[in-house]
N, C-alpha and C. Protein backbone atom coordinates (compact mmCIF):
# COMPACT_ATOMS: atom_id res chain seq x y z
N MET A 1 -107.28 15.92 161.10
CA MET A 1 -106.90 15.18 159.66
C MET A 1 -106.01 14.01 159.80
N LYS A 2 -105.15 14.22 160.93
CA LYS A 2 -104.31 12.92 161.24
C LYS A 2 -105.36 11.58 161.15
N ASN A 3 -106.22 11.78 162.12
CA ASN A 3 -107.25 10.83 162.41
C ASN A 3 -108.04 10.12 161.17
N LEU A 4 -108.24 11.17 160.08
CA LEU A 4 -108.92 10.90 158.92
C LEU A 4 -107.89 9.92 158.19
N PHE A 5 -106.74 10.35 158.02
CA PHE A 5 -105.64 9.69 157.43
C PHE A 5 -105.54 8.25 157.86
N HIS A 6 -105.40 8.06 158.98
CA HIS A 6 -105.38 6.62 159.66
C HIS A 6 -106.42 5.80 159.53
N PHE A 7 -107.87 6.54 159.52
CA PHE A 7 -109.04 5.64 159.18
C PHE A 7 -109.00 5.30 157.75
N ILE A 8 -108.52 6.22 156.77
CA ILE A 8 -108.50 5.81 155.46
C ILE A 8 -107.51 4.55 155.06
N ALA A 9 -106.26 4.69 155.77
CA ALA A 9 -105.04 3.56 155.68
C ALA A 9 -105.74 2.31 156.31
N LEU A 10 -106.49 2.61 157.51
CA LEU A 10 -106.82 1.14 158.22
C LEU A 10 -107.97 0.43 157.25
N PHE A 11 -108.98 1.33 156.75
CA PHE A 11 -109.99 0.77 155.67
C PHE A 11 -109.16 0.26 154.48
N LEU A 12 -108.15 0.73 154.12
CA LEU A 12 -107.86 0.18 152.95
C LEU A 12 -106.94 -1.07 152.97
N VAL A 13 -106.31 -1.21 154.37
CA VAL A 13 -105.74 -2.60 154.72
C VAL A 13 -106.71 -3.49 154.96
N THR A 14 -107.85 -3.21 155.57
CA THR A 14 -108.61 -4.00 155.97
C THR A 14 -109.61 -4.53 154.64
N THR A 15 -109.71 -3.62 153.58
CA THR A 15 -110.17 -4.13 152.38
C THR A 15 -109.60 -5.02 151.83
N SER A 16 -108.35 -4.79 151.62
CA SER A 16 -107.30 -5.61 150.95
C SER A 16 -107.00 -7.02 151.90
N LEU A 17 -107.28 -7.04 152.90
CA LEU A 17 -107.24 -8.12 153.66
C LEU A 17 -108.36 -9.19 153.57
N VAL A 18 -109.78 -8.28 153.41
CA VAL A 18 -110.93 -9.16 152.99
C VAL A 18 -110.86 -9.96 151.78
N ASN A 19 -110.56 -8.98 150.76
CA ASN A 19 -110.20 -9.38 149.50
C ASN A 19 -109.10 -10.67 149.35
N ALA A 20 -108.40 -10.49 150.10
CA ALA A 20 -107.06 -11.63 150.05
C ALA A 20 -107.81 -12.77 150.44
N GLN A 21 -108.72 -12.73 151.80
CA GLN A 21 -109.38 -13.91 152.43
C GLN A 21 -110.63 -14.59 151.41
N ASP A 22 -110.89 -13.73 150.61
CA ASP A 22 -112.22 -14.31 149.73
C ASP A 22 -111.73 -15.46 149.00
N TRP A 23 -110.46 -15.72 148.66
CA TRP A 23 -109.95 -16.82 147.64
C TRP A 23 -110.16 -18.18 148.54
N ILE A 24 -110.51 -19.12 148.32
CA ILE A 24 -110.54 -20.52 148.90
C ILE A 24 -109.38 -21.61 148.16
N ASP A 25 -109.17 -22.57 148.96
CA ASP A 25 -108.38 -23.76 148.33
C ASP A 25 -109.23 -24.63 147.82
N TYR A 26 -109.21 -25.12 146.96
CA TYR A 26 -110.04 -26.16 146.18
C TYR A 26 -108.91 -27.30 145.95
N LYS A 27 -109.44 -28.38 146.54
CA LYS A 27 -108.61 -29.74 146.14
C LYS A 27 -109.65 -30.56 145.56
N SER A 28 -109.02 -31.39 144.68
CA SER A 28 -110.19 -32.54 144.48
C SER A 28 -109.09 -33.74 144.11
N GLU A 29 -109.15 -34.90 145.09
CA GLU A 29 -108.37 -36.05 145.12
C GLU A 29 -108.79 -36.89 143.85
N ASP A 30 -110.13 -36.76 143.25
CA ASP A 30 -110.32 -37.66 142.42
C ASP A 30 -109.96 -36.98 141.03
N LEU A 31 -110.11 -35.72 140.87
CA LEU A 31 -109.56 -35.41 139.64
C LEU A 31 -108.12 -35.04 139.70
N ALA A 32 -107.44 -35.08 140.89
CA ALA A 32 -105.92 -34.92 140.87
C ALA A 32 -105.43 -33.77 140.95
N PHE A 33 -106.15 -32.43 141.36
CA PHE A 33 -105.50 -31.31 141.17
C PHE A 33 -105.72 -30.38 142.54
N ILE A 34 -105.09 -29.20 142.60
CA ILE A 34 -105.49 -28.26 143.72
C ILE A 34 -105.33 -26.73 142.79
N ALA A 35 -106.29 -25.88 143.37
CA ALA A 35 -106.22 -24.48 143.16
C ALA A 35 -106.77 -23.72 143.95
N GLU A 36 -106.54 -22.18 143.57
CA GLU A 36 -107.38 -21.47 144.49
C GLU A 36 -108.50 -20.85 143.54
N PHE A 37 -109.66 -20.47 144.23
CA PHE A 37 -110.53 -19.83 143.30
C PHE A 37 -110.98 -18.69 144.39
N PRO A 38 -111.53 -17.39 143.46
CA PRO A 38 -111.89 -16.36 144.36
C PRO A 38 -113.50 -16.57 145.03
N GLY A 39 -113.81 -17.83 144.75
CA GLY A 39 -115.10 -18.07 145.73
C GLY A 39 -115.35 -19.44 145.28
N GLU A 40 -116.36 -20.15 145.89
CA GLU A 40 -116.84 -21.66 145.74
C GLU A 40 -117.13 -21.94 144.42
N PRO A 41 -116.28 -22.79 143.90
CA PRO A 41 -116.76 -23.19 142.45
C PRO A 41 -117.91 -24.36 142.56
N GLU A 42 -118.27 -24.49 141.43
CA GLU A 42 -119.29 -25.57 140.99
C GLU A 42 -118.64 -26.55 140.02
N ARG A 43 -119.19 -27.91 140.36
CA ARG A 43 -118.78 -29.07 139.86
C ARG A 43 -119.68 -29.69 138.67
N THR A 44 -119.45 -29.53 137.54
CA THR A 44 -120.31 -30.47 136.84
C THR A 44 -119.57 -31.53 135.75
N VAL A 45 -120.33 -32.48 135.13
CA VAL A 45 -119.60 -33.23 134.13
C VAL A 45 -120.46 -33.17 133.07
N GLN A 46 -119.84 -33.45 131.88
CA GLN A 46 -120.73 -33.45 130.73
C GLN A 46 -119.91 -34.32 129.81
N GLU A 47 -120.66 -34.98 128.98
CA GLU A 47 -120.42 -36.03 128.00
C GLU A 47 -120.04 -35.11 126.72
N VAL A 48 -118.91 -35.40 126.01
CA VAL A 48 -118.21 -34.81 124.90
C VAL A 48 -118.09 -35.73 123.80
N GLU A 49 -118.79 -35.47 122.47
CA GLU A 49 -118.38 -36.32 121.63
C GLU A 49 -117.00 -35.84 121.08
N THR A 50 -115.91 -36.92 120.72
CA THR A 50 -114.66 -36.13 120.36
C THR A 50 -114.28 -37.34 119.32
N ALA A 51 -113.44 -37.24 118.48
CA ALA A 51 -112.85 -38.09 117.41
C ALA A 51 -112.47 -39.44 117.95
N ILE A 52 -112.25 -39.82 119.10
CA ILE A 52 -112.10 -41.07 119.53
C ILE A 52 -113.09 -41.67 120.51
N GLY A 53 -114.41 -41.06 120.37
CA GLY A 53 -115.40 -41.40 121.04
C GLY A 53 -115.88 -40.56 122.07
N ILE A 54 -116.90 -41.02 122.97
CA ILE A 54 -117.38 -39.81 123.94
C ILE A 54 -116.41 -40.07 125.07
N ILE A 55 -116.40 -38.63 125.83
CA ILE A 55 -115.60 -38.96 126.95
C ILE A 55 -116.24 -37.99 127.76
N ASP A 56 -115.89 -38.22 129.28
CA ASP A 56 -116.32 -36.90 130.14
C ASP A 56 -115.68 -35.82 130.35
N MET A 57 -116.18 -34.97 130.48
CA MET A 57 -115.30 -33.63 130.92
C MET A 57 -115.93 -33.40 132.29
N HIS A 58 -114.86 -33.25 133.15
CA HIS A 58 -115.23 -32.81 134.33
C HIS A 58 -114.83 -31.32 134.47
N MET A 59 -115.93 -30.22 134.94
CA MET A 59 -115.64 -28.91 135.01
C MET A 59 -115.55 -28.35 136.16
N ILE A 60 -114.98 -27.66 136.94
CA ILE A 60 -114.84 -26.85 138.09
C ILE A 60 -114.91 -25.70 137.82
N MET A 61 -115.77 -24.97 137.92
CA MET A 61 -116.11 -23.29 137.61
C MET A 61 -116.64 -22.41 138.51
N HIS A 62 -116.05 -21.32 138.61
CA HIS A 62 -116.70 -20.11 139.18
C HIS A 62 -117.00 -18.78 138.45
N SER A 63 -118.16 -18.87 138.47
CA SER A 63 -118.59 -17.45 137.89
C SER A 63 -118.46 -16.41 138.54
N ALA A 64 -117.86 -15.36 138.35
CA ALA A 64 -117.71 -14.40 139.38
C ALA A 64 -118.78 -13.10 139.31
N ASP A 65 -118.73 -12.40 140.25
CA ASP A 65 -119.87 -11.44 140.28
C ASP A 65 -119.19 -10.05 139.67
N SER A 66 -120.14 -8.88 139.39
CA SER A 66 -119.48 -7.67 138.46
C SER A 66 -118.44 -7.05 139.22
N SER A 67 -118.27 -7.49 140.47
CA SER A 67 -117.03 -6.64 141.12
C SER A 67 -115.86 -7.41 140.90
N ASP A 68 -115.81 -8.24 140.32
CA ASP A 68 -114.38 -8.94 140.09
C ASP A 68 -113.98 -8.80 138.75
N ASP A 69 -112.59 -8.65 138.54
CA ASP A 69 -111.97 -8.38 137.13
C ASP A 69 -112.06 -9.34 136.26
N ASN A 70 -112.57 -10.60 136.71
CA ASN A 70 -112.73 -11.68 135.61
C ASN A 70 -113.93 -12.27 135.75
N MET A 71 -114.64 -12.87 134.62
CA MET A 71 -116.12 -13.21 134.45
C MET A 71 -115.84 -14.77 134.84
N VAL A 72 -114.92 -15.44 134.64
CA VAL A 72 -114.93 -16.81 134.66
C VAL A 72 -113.48 -17.68 135.09
N TYR A 73 -113.95 -18.36 136.17
CA TYR A 73 -112.33 -19.18 136.42
C TYR A 73 -112.73 -20.43 136.45
N SER A 74 -111.95 -21.28 135.58
CA SER A 74 -112.43 -22.64 135.44
C SER A 74 -111.08 -23.74 135.22
N ILE A 75 -111.67 -24.97 135.47
CA ILE A 75 -110.48 -25.72 135.36
C ILE A 75 -111.32 -27.11 134.74
N ILE A 76 -110.75 -27.70 133.67
CA ILE A 76 -111.38 -28.73 133.09
C ILE A 76 -110.63 -30.03 133.14
N ARG A 77 -111.12 -30.95 133.38
CA ARG A 77 -110.13 -32.50 133.34
C ARG A 77 -110.97 -33.40 132.26
N SER A 78 -110.43 -33.68 131.36
CA SER A 78 -110.78 -34.99 130.40
C SER A 78 -109.76 -35.80 130.32
N ASP A 79 -110.42 -37.19 130.31
CA ASP A 79 -109.53 -38.61 130.36
C ASP A 79 -109.76 -39.34 129.12
N TYR A 80 -108.61 -39.19 128.23
CA TYR A 80 -109.01 -39.91 127.08
C TYR A 80 -108.62 -41.36 127.18
N PRO A 81 -109.01 -42.22 126.06
CA PRO A 81 -108.81 -43.84 126.44
C PRO A 81 -107.01 -44.03 126.39
N GLU A 82 -106.81 -44.58 127.47
CA GLU A 82 -105.20 -44.97 127.34
C GLU A 82 -104.30 -45.63 126.31
N GLU A 83 -105.47 -46.15 125.56
CA GLU A 83 -104.94 -47.01 124.35
C GLU A 83 -104.42 -46.03 123.35
N GLU A 84 -105.15 -44.96 123.36
CA GLU A 84 -104.74 -43.63 122.30
C GLU A 84 -103.54 -43.17 122.69
N PHE A 85 -102.73 -43.50 123.80
CA PHE A 85 -101.53 -42.80 124.32
C PHE A 85 -100.48 -43.89 124.25
N LYS A 86 -100.90 -45.04 124.40
CA LYS A 86 -99.96 -46.08 124.74
C LYS A 86 -98.38 -46.07 124.14
N ASP A 87 -98.45 -45.64 122.90
CA ASP A 87 -97.21 -45.49 122.22
C ASP A 87 -96.72 -43.94 122.02
N ALA A 88 -97.63 -42.88 122.74
CA ALA A 88 -97.22 -41.63 122.85
C ALA A 88 -95.82 -41.12 122.79
N ASP A 89 -95.48 -40.22 122.07
CA ASP A 89 -94.17 -39.49 121.78
C ASP A 89 -94.48 -37.94 121.98
N ASP A 90 -93.20 -37.44 122.07
CA ASP A 90 -93.29 -35.87 122.02
C ASP A 90 -94.28 -35.29 120.94
N GLU A 91 -94.02 -35.84 119.80
CA GLU A 91 -94.53 -35.45 118.51
C GLU A 91 -96.08 -35.61 118.82
N TYR A 92 -96.50 -36.60 119.23
CA TYR A 92 -97.99 -36.97 119.38
C TYR A 92 -98.66 -36.17 120.32
N ASN A 93 -98.02 -36.01 121.30
CA ASN A 93 -98.52 -35.35 122.55
C ASN A 93 -98.47 -33.93 122.03
N ASN A 94 -97.52 -33.27 121.18
CA ASN A 94 -97.71 -32.03 120.60
C ASN A 94 -98.69 -31.88 119.99
N SER A 95 -99.02 -32.91 118.74
CA SER A 95 -100.35 -32.78 118.20
C SER A 95 -101.45 -32.54 118.86
N VAL A 96 -101.72 -33.47 119.93
CA VAL A 96 -102.68 -33.30 120.82
C VAL A 96 -103.17 -32.23 121.21
N LEU A 97 -101.84 -31.33 121.97
CA LEU A 97 -101.90 -29.90 122.46
C LEU A 97 -102.40 -29.15 121.35
N ASP A 98 -101.86 -29.26 120.11
CA ASP A 98 -102.16 -28.42 118.83
C ASP A 98 -103.79 -28.33 118.78
N GLY A 99 -104.30 -29.63 118.74
CA GLY A 99 -105.54 -30.01 118.77
C GLY A 99 -106.50 -29.14 119.65
N ALA A 100 -106.02 -29.21 120.86
CA ALA A 100 -106.73 -28.31 122.05
C ALA A 100 -106.74 -26.92 121.79
N VAL A 101 -105.55 -26.43 121.48
CA VAL A 101 -105.50 -24.93 120.94
C VAL A 101 -106.39 -24.52 119.69
N ASN A 102 -106.17 -25.21 118.93
CA ASN A 102 -107.01 -25.07 117.57
C ASN A 102 -108.57 -25.28 117.89
N GLY A 103 -108.90 -25.91 118.66
CA GLY A 103 -110.44 -26.55 118.82
C GLY A 103 -110.93 -25.23 119.80
N ALA A 104 -110.04 -24.85 120.82
CA ALA A 104 -110.54 -23.69 121.52
C ALA A 104 -110.48 -22.34 120.99
N THR A 105 -109.87 -22.03 119.91
CA THR A 105 -109.92 -20.96 119.47
C THR A 105 -111.01 -21.05 118.16
N THR A 106 -111.13 -21.98 117.46
CA THR A 106 -112.30 -22.16 116.46
C THR A 106 -113.76 -22.25 117.39
N ASN A 107 -113.76 -22.81 118.38
CA ASN A 107 -115.21 -22.93 119.06
C ASN A 107 -115.51 -21.78 119.62
N VAL A 108 -114.71 -20.78 119.88
CA VAL A 108 -115.31 -19.36 120.18
C VAL A 108 -115.13 -18.50 119.10
N ASN A 109 -114.76 -18.85 118.01
CA ASN A 109 -114.73 -17.79 116.83
C ASN A 109 -113.59 -16.56 117.23
N GLY A 110 -112.45 -17.29 117.90
CA GLY A 110 -111.55 -16.24 118.40
C GLY A 110 -110.60 -16.01 117.48
N GLU A 111 -109.34 -15.29 117.98
CA GLU A 111 -108.06 -15.06 117.41
C GLU A 111 -107.13 -15.24 118.42
N LEU A 112 -106.25 -16.20 118.09
CA LEU A 112 -105.15 -16.55 119.02
C LEU A 112 -104.05 -15.35 118.95
N THR A 113 -103.74 -14.96 120.01
CA THR A 113 -102.84 -13.92 120.20
C THR A 113 -101.48 -13.99 120.78
N SER A 114 -101.62 -15.31 121.53
CA SER A 114 -100.09 -15.56 121.97
C SER A 114 -100.44 -17.32 122.05
N ASP A 115 -99.20 -18.01 122.11
CA ASP A 115 -99.27 -19.47 122.11
C ASP A 115 -97.79 -19.73 122.44
N GLU A 116 -97.58 -20.40 123.82
CA GLU A 116 -96.13 -20.80 124.32
C GLU A 116 -96.22 -22.18 124.61
N LYS A 117 -95.26 -22.83 124.49
CA LYS A 117 -94.94 -24.17 124.70
C LYS A 117 -94.58 -24.12 126.56
N ILE A 118 -95.34 -24.84 127.23
CA ILE A 118 -94.72 -24.82 128.75
C ILE A 118 -94.80 -26.30 129.02
N THR A 119 -94.33 -26.52 130.43
CA THR A 119 -94.36 -27.54 131.09
C THR A 119 -94.85 -27.64 132.46
N HIS A 120 -95.25 -28.51 133.37
CA HIS A 120 -95.73 -28.48 134.56
C HIS A 120 -95.65 -29.69 135.17
N ASN A 121 -94.65 -29.93 136.21
CA ASN A 121 -94.63 -31.13 137.16
C ASN A 121 -93.85 -31.96 135.96
N GLY A 122 -93.28 -31.66 134.83
CA GLY A 122 -92.66 -32.54 134.10
C GLY A 122 -93.51 -32.93 132.79
N PHE A 123 -94.74 -32.38 132.92
CA PHE A 123 -95.63 -32.60 131.43
C PHE A 123 -95.76 -31.60 130.76
N PRO A 124 -95.91 -31.76 129.32
CA PRO A 124 -96.07 -30.85 128.44
C PRO A 124 -97.49 -30.06 128.50
N GLY A 125 -97.25 -28.89 127.94
CA GLY A 125 -98.59 -28.08 128.09
C GLY A 125 -98.21 -26.77 127.02
N ARG A 126 -99.38 -26.03 126.80
CA ARG A 126 -99.38 -24.90 125.99
C ARG A 126 -100.24 -23.70 126.92
N SER A 127 -99.62 -22.67 126.67
CA SER A 127 -100.25 -21.60 127.50
C SER A 127 -100.60 -20.42 126.32
N ILE A 128 -102.04 -20.18 126.21
CA ILE A 128 -102.47 -19.35 124.96
C ILE A 128 -103.63 -18.26 125.49
N LYS A 129 -103.57 -17.33 124.75
CA LYS A 129 -104.45 -16.04 124.86
C LYS A 129 -105.39 -15.92 123.36
N ILE A 130 -106.67 -16.07 123.84
CA ILE A 130 -107.66 -16.03 122.56
C ILE A 130 -108.56 -14.65 122.75
N LYS A 131 -108.42 -13.94 121.80
CA LYS A 131 -109.17 -12.67 121.67
C LYS A 131 -110.66 -13.04 121.10
N ILE A 132 -111.87 -12.82 122.01
CA ILE A 132 -113.03 -12.98 121.69
C ILE A 132 -113.59 -11.55 121.45
N SER A 133 -114.91 -11.49 121.13
CA SER A 133 -115.75 -10.07 121.14
C SER A 133 -115.90 -9.88 122.54
N GLY A 134 -115.16 -8.66 122.76
CA GLY A 134 -115.35 -7.98 124.09
C GLY A 134 -114.50 -8.58 125.22
N ALA A 135 -114.06 -9.63 125.09
CA ALA A 135 -113.12 -10.37 125.99
C ALA A 135 -111.98 -11.14 125.72
N PHE A 136 -110.98 -11.60 126.56
CA PHE A 136 -109.83 -12.43 126.28
C PHE A 136 -110.20 -13.71 127.05
N ILE A 137 -109.37 -14.82 126.58
CA ILE A 137 -109.42 -16.25 127.31
C ILE A 137 -108.02 -16.42 127.56
N TYR A 138 -107.83 -16.63 128.80
CA TYR A 138 -106.27 -17.13 129.00
C TYR A 138 -106.58 -18.61 129.41
N MET A 139 -105.54 -19.45 128.71
CA MET A 139 -105.87 -20.83 128.87
C MET A 139 -104.47 -21.39 128.82
N ASN A 140 -104.18 -22.31 130.02
CA ASN A 140 -103.08 -23.43 130.15
C ASN A 140 -103.75 -24.66 130.07
N ALA A 141 -103.32 -25.28 128.92
CA ALA A 141 -103.73 -26.87 128.82
C ALA A 141 -102.44 -27.80 128.94
N TYR A 142 -102.57 -28.90 129.78
CA TYR A 142 -101.66 -29.61 130.23
C TYR A 142 -102.19 -31.19 129.80
N LEU A 143 -101.06 -31.85 129.27
CA LEU A 143 -101.30 -33.27 128.99
C LEU A 143 -100.63 -34.05 129.88
N VAL A 144 -101.15 -34.93 130.66
CA VAL A 144 -100.63 -35.65 131.69
C VAL A 144 -100.96 -37.21 131.28
N ASN A 145 -100.05 -37.82 130.48
CA ASN A 145 -100.19 -38.98 129.71
C ASN A 145 -101.50 -38.89 129.10
N ASN A 146 -102.67 -39.64 129.52
CA ASN A 146 -103.89 -39.55 128.78
C ASN A 146 -105.01 -38.50 129.23
N THR A 147 -104.63 -37.89 129.99
CA THR A 147 -105.53 -36.69 130.88
C THR A 147 -105.07 -35.55 130.17
N MET A 148 -106.02 -34.42 130.11
CA MET A 148 -105.94 -33.24 129.47
C MET A 148 -106.60 -32.47 130.79
N PHE A 149 -105.70 -31.44 131.25
CA PHE A 149 -106.18 -30.29 132.32
C PHE A 149 -106.31 -29.23 131.49
N VAL A 150 -107.29 -28.16 131.50
CA VAL A 150 -107.28 -27.04 131.09
C VAL A 150 -107.73 -25.97 132.16
N VAL A 151 -107.02 -24.98 132.39
CA VAL A 151 -107.05 -23.96 133.32
C VAL A 151 -107.28 -22.49 132.41
N GLN A 152 -108.45 -22.29 132.90
CA GLN A 152 -108.78 -20.91 131.97
C GLN A 152 -109.52 -19.79 132.88
N VAL A 153 -109.29 -18.53 132.31
CA VAL A 153 -109.94 -17.42 133.07
C VAL A 153 -110.28 -16.52 131.78
N ILE A 154 -111.62 -16.02 131.98
CA ILE A 154 -112.15 -15.17 130.97
C ILE A 154 -112.38 -13.66 131.61
N CYS A 155 -111.78 -12.84 130.96
CA CYS A 155 -111.79 -11.49 131.32
C CYS A 155 -112.23 -10.36 130.16
N LEU A 156 -113.12 -9.33 130.73
CA LEU A 156 -113.33 -8.20 129.75
C LEU A 156 -111.91 -7.59 129.18
N THR A 157 -112.09 -7.00 127.81
CA THR A 157 -111.01 -6.58 127.42
C THR A 157 -110.38 -5.25 128.24
N ASP A 158 -111.38 -4.73 128.81
CA ASP A 158 -110.84 -3.51 129.87
C ASP A 158 -110.13 -4.09 131.08
N LYS A 159 -110.16 -5.27 131.34
CA LYS A 159 -109.56 -5.80 132.59
C LYS A 159 -108.35 -6.67 132.20
N ASP A 160 -108.04 -6.70 131.00
CA ASP A 160 -106.80 -7.34 130.59
C ASP A 160 -105.53 -7.41 131.54
N GLU A 161 -104.98 -8.39 131.59
CA GLU A 161 -103.59 -8.69 132.21
C GLU A 161 -103.84 -8.24 134.03
N ASN A 162 -105.14 -8.66 134.34
CA ASN A 162 -105.11 -7.94 135.60
C ASN A 162 -104.52 -9.31 136.83
N GLU A 163 -104.19 -9.09 137.86
CA GLU A 163 -103.55 -9.75 138.76
C GLU A 163 -104.00 -11.02 139.19
N ASP A 164 -105.50 -11.08 139.11
CA ASP A 164 -106.02 -12.31 139.53
C ASP A 164 -105.87 -13.35 138.31
N ILE A 165 -105.72 -12.90 137.34
CA ILE A 165 -105.75 -14.10 136.33
C ILE A 165 -104.34 -14.74 136.59
N LYS A 166 -103.20 -14.08 136.79
CA LYS A 166 -101.90 -14.76 137.17
C LYS A 166 -102.09 -15.56 138.41
N ARG A 167 -102.70 -15.22 139.40
CA ARG A 167 -102.96 -15.76 140.74
C ARG A 167 -103.78 -17.19 140.54
N PHE A 168 -105.01 -17.01 139.69
CA PHE A 168 -105.57 -18.54 139.46
C PHE A 168 -104.67 -19.34 138.80
N MET A 169 -104.17 -18.86 137.50
CA MET A 169 -103.50 -19.71 136.77
C MET A 169 -102.32 -20.25 137.56
N ASP A 170 -101.50 -19.57 138.37
CA ASP A 170 -100.34 -20.02 139.14
C ASP A 170 -100.50 -21.00 140.41
N SER A 171 -102.09 -20.87 140.68
CA SER A 171 -102.38 -21.49 141.67
C SER A 171 -102.61 -23.20 141.54
N PHE A 172 -102.78 -23.20 140.27
CA PHE A 172 -103.04 -24.67 139.72
C PHE A 172 -101.81 -25.73 140.00
N ASP A 173 -102.02 -26.65 140.52
CA ASP A 173 -101.04 -27.79 140.67
C ASP A 173 -101.66 -29.21 140.51
N MET A 174 -101.13 -30.01 140.03
CA MET A 174 -101.37 -31.49 139.68
C MET A 174 -100.84 -32.29 141.08
N LEU A 175 -101.52 -33.01 141.12
CA LEU A 175 -101.38 -34.33 142.49
C LEU A 175 -100.30 -35.25 141.87
N LYS A 176 -99.88 -35.13 140.42
CA LYS A 176 -99.13 -35.88 140.00
C LYS A 176 -97.84 -35.39 139.46
N VAL A 177 -96.47 -36.02 139.59
CA VAL A 177 -95.48 -35.44 139.22
C VAL A 177 -94.84 -36.38 138.28
N LYS A 178 -94.26 -36.12 137.19
CA LYS A 178 -93.82 -37.04 136.23
C LYS A 178 -92.50 -37.61 136.67
N GLU A 179 -92.43 -38.85 136.78
CA GLU A 179 -91.15 -39.85 137.04
C GLU A 179 -90.37 -39.94 135.75
N ASP A 180 -88.95 -39.62 136.01
CA ASP A 180 -88.02 -39.80 134.91
C ASP A 180 -87.45 -41.15 134.90
């Protein structure tokens, strides 16, 4: 009986270590961020029509398998024309972030369940949660001068508030810090 207990304890510790080791550090010098993903992400670029013209949307995404608590882990970077932000003040930046929140909610026919103003490395941002059919989208959007970073996780409703959401969201870091 004692041996069985030790075997089970060893199995649980080993399984925990294997799961902890599955996460990889991802660093993109050209997109200027680092993050941990639960597996190797794929990188794509898509042209997107916006009110100020066509921009490139760089997406780094990992689609998880059925054993994961979450379906998708992604980071999106979009660079807007610098002239649009030349005289940007806090009010302008907040309106850009409002647009990102409203667009994200509308594009998925979702319901905004939480919305909080945040900062990261001195830059303004928003942390939101959107309820969609059968799932939740967790999203942090950061505005770094004329660059928007969007960090998001999508989970099924029965997997809401799992530890990997926080782990992924907290792992994101920009390679740029705001200078005062």
